[in-house]
Amino acid sequence: MTTKPFVLMFKASAPASEIDNYVAEVTKRGGTIRQRFNADFLRGFSAQIPSEYADSLYAAVKDGKHNNMYVPEALTKAK
């Protein structure tokens, strides 16, 4: 399975349970959480995510299907 680095950030209004659900989903799909960010100004996590899931998640976020999260463009596209 090919993985890629991924950073997923959440808006301050997102409940902690939503972040926890995405952490669990990433792990369930074979990803590895590298670091969680839980400060008021920085909420989310970095991970190694299976490429197929990362691509679909990125597309869904960019299409506005996940209102409480965003993917930092510079971090996601960095190689």
C-alpha atoms as a PDB file:
ATOM      1  CA  MET A   1       0.000   0.000   0.000  1.00  0.00           C
ATOM      2  CA  THR A   2       1.346   3.392  -0.989  1.00  0.00           C
ATOM      3  CA  THR A   3       0.922   6.189   1.526  1.00  0.00           C
ATOM      4  CA  LYS A   4       1.493   9.922   1.436  1.00  0.00           C
ATOM      5  CA  PRO A   5       1.976  12.595   4.083  1.00  0.00           C
ATOM      6  CA  PHE A   6      -1.182  14.513   4.831  1.00  0.00           C
ATOM      7  CA  VAL A   7      -2.146  17.386   7.127  1.00  0.00           C
ATOM      8  CA  LEU A   8      -5.785  17.856   8.022  1.00  0.00           C
ATOM      9  CA  MET A   9      -6.870  20.937   9.967  1.00  0.00           C
ATOM     10  CA  PHE A  10     -10.215  21.678  11.593  1.00  0.00           C
ATOM     11  CA  LYS A  11     -11.974  24.948  12.253  1.00  0.00           C
ATOM     12  CA  ALA A  12     -12.236  26.073  15.888  1.00  0.00           C
ATOM     13  CA  SER A  13     -15.965  25.303  15.785  1.00  0.00           C
ATOM     14  CA  ALA A  14     -15.422  21.612  14.991  1.00  0.00           C
ATOM     15  CA  PRO A  15     -16.216  19.333  17.929  1.00  0.00           C
ATOM     16  CA  ALA A  16     -13.374  17.172  19.269  1.00  0.00           C
ATOM     17  CA  SER A  17     -15.482  14.092  18.498  1.00  0.00           C
ATOM     18  CA  GLU A  18     -15.359  14.917  14.786  1.00  0.00           C
ATOM     19  CA  ILE A  19     -11.561  15.080  14.864  1.00  0.00           C
ATOM     20  CA  ASP A  20     -11.459  11.814  16.802  1.00  0.00           C
ATOM     21  CA  ASN A  21     -13.685  10.184  14.173  1.00  0.00           C
ATOM     22  CA  TYR A  22     -11.302  11.153  11.370  1.00  0.00           C
ATOM     23  CA  VAL A  23      -8.295   9.935  13.365  1.00  0.00           C
ATOM     24  CA  ALA A  24     -10.072   6.592  13.813  1.00  0.00           C
ATOM     25  CA  GLU A  25     -10.982   6.435  10.116  1.00  0.00           C
ATOM     26  CA  VAL A  26      -7.405   7.133   9.015  1.00  0.00           C
ATOM     27  CA  THR A  27      -6.150   4.394  11.325  1.00  0.00           C
ATOM     28  CA  LYS A  28      -8.860   1.978  10.172  1.00  0.00           C
ATOM     29  CA  ARG A  29      -7.801   2.512   6.562  1.00  0.00           C
ATOM     30  CA  GLY A  30      -4.175   1.693   7.365  1.00  0.00           C
ATOM     31  CA  GLY A  31      -2.823   5.175   7.989  1.00  0.00           C
ATOM     32  CA  THR A  32      -0.548   6.288  10.800  1.00  0.00           C
ATOM     33  CA  ILE A  33      -1.167   9.408  12.864  1.00  0.00           C
ATOM     34  CA  ARG A  34       2.098  11.325  13.242  1.00  0.00           C
ATOM     35  CA  GLN A  35       1.011  14.233  15.423  1.00  0.00           C
ATOM     36  CA  ARG A  36      -2.193  15.754  16.772  1.00  0.00           C
ATOM     37  CA  PHE A  37      -2.679  19.475  17.175  1.00  0.00           C
ATOM     38  CA  ASN A  38      -5.087  20.443  19.961  1.00  0.00           C
ATOM     39  CA  ALA A  39      -4.437  24.138  20.579  1.00  0.00           C
ATOM     40  CA  ASP A  40      -7.263  26.656  20.175  1.00  0.00           C
ATOM     41  CA  PHE A  41      -5.516  28.143  17.149  1.00  0.00           C
ATOM     42  CA  LEU A  42      -4.342  24.862  15.600  1.00  0.00           C
ATOM     43  CA  ARG A  43      -6.589  21.795  15.576  1.00  0.00           C
ATOM     44  CA  GLY A  44      -6.085  18.663  13.531  1.00  0.00           C
ATOM     45  CA  PHE A  45      -3.413  16.111  12.785  1.00  0.00           C
ATOM     46  CA  SER A  46      -0.653  15.038  10.455  1.00  0.00           C
ATOM     47  CA  ALA A  47      -0.528  11.492   9.175  1.00  0.00           C
ATOM     48  CA  GLN A  48       0.714   9.025   6.597  1.00  0.00           C
ATOM     49  CA  ILE A  49      -2.483   8.125   4.753  1.00  0.00           C
ATOM     50  CA  PRO A  50      -3.069   5.533   2.029  1.00  0.00           C
ATOM     51  CA  SER A  51      -2.807   7.438  -1.252  1.00  0.00           C
ATOM     52  CA  GLU A  52      -6.262   6.533  -2.541  1.00  0.00           C
ATOM     53  CA  TYR A  53      -7.959   7.684   0.677  1.00  0.00           C
ATOM     54  CA  ALA A  54      -5.818  10.839   0.831  1.00  0.00           C
ATOM     55  CA  ASP A  55      -6.811  11.769  -2.722  1.00  0.00           C
ATOM     56  CA  SER A  56     -10.531  11.214  -2.084  1.00  0.00           C
ATOM     57  CA  LEU A  57     -10.427  13.075   1.231  1.00  0.00           C
ATOM     58  CA  TYR A  58      -8.560  16.005  -0.325  1.00  0.00           C
ATOM     59  CA  ALA A  59     -11.080  16.202  -3.177  1.00  0.00           C
ATOM     60  CA  ALA A  60     -14.041  16.104  -0.769  1.00  0.00           C
ATOM     61  CA  VAL A  61     -12.560  18.880   1.386  1.00  0.00           C
ATOM     62  CA  LYS A  62     -11.788  21.035  -1.665  1.00  0.00           C
ATOM     63  CA  ASP A  63     -15.344  20.478  -2.964  1.00  0.00           C
ATOM     64  CA  GLY A  64     -16.790  21.755   0.323  1.00  0.00           C
ATOM     65  CA  LYS A  65     -18.200  18.422   1.488  1.00  0.00           C
ATOM     66  CA  HIS A  66     -16.555  18.766   4.910  1.00  0.00           C
ATOM     67  CA  ASN A  67     -17.431  22.194   6.305  1.00  0.00           C
ATOM     68  CA  ASN A  68     -15.394  21.956   9.517  1.00  0.00           C
ATOM     69  CA  MET A  69     -12.058  21.048   7.976  1.00  0.00           C
ATOM     70  CA  TYR A  70      -9.489  22.232   5.524  1.00  0.00           C
ATOM     71  CA  VAL A  71      -6.254  20.962   4.039  1.00  0.00           C
ATOM     72  CA  PRO A  72      -3.373  23.462   4.013  1.00  0.00           C
ATOM     73  CA  GLU A  73      -2.555  23.687   0.304  1.00  0.00           C
ATOM     74  CA  ALA A  74       1.186  24.249   0.703  1.00  0.00           C
ATOM     75  CA  LEU A  75       1.602  21.311   3.079  1.00  0.00           C
ATOM     76  CA  THR A  76      -0.467  18.890   1.018  1.00  0.00           C
ATOM     77  CA  LYS A  77       1.230  19.608  -2.282  1.00  0.00           C
ATOM     78  CA  ALA A  78       4.795  19.620  -0.880  1.00  0.00           C
ATOM     79  CA  LYS A  79       6.840  16.611  -1.926  1.00  0.00           C
END
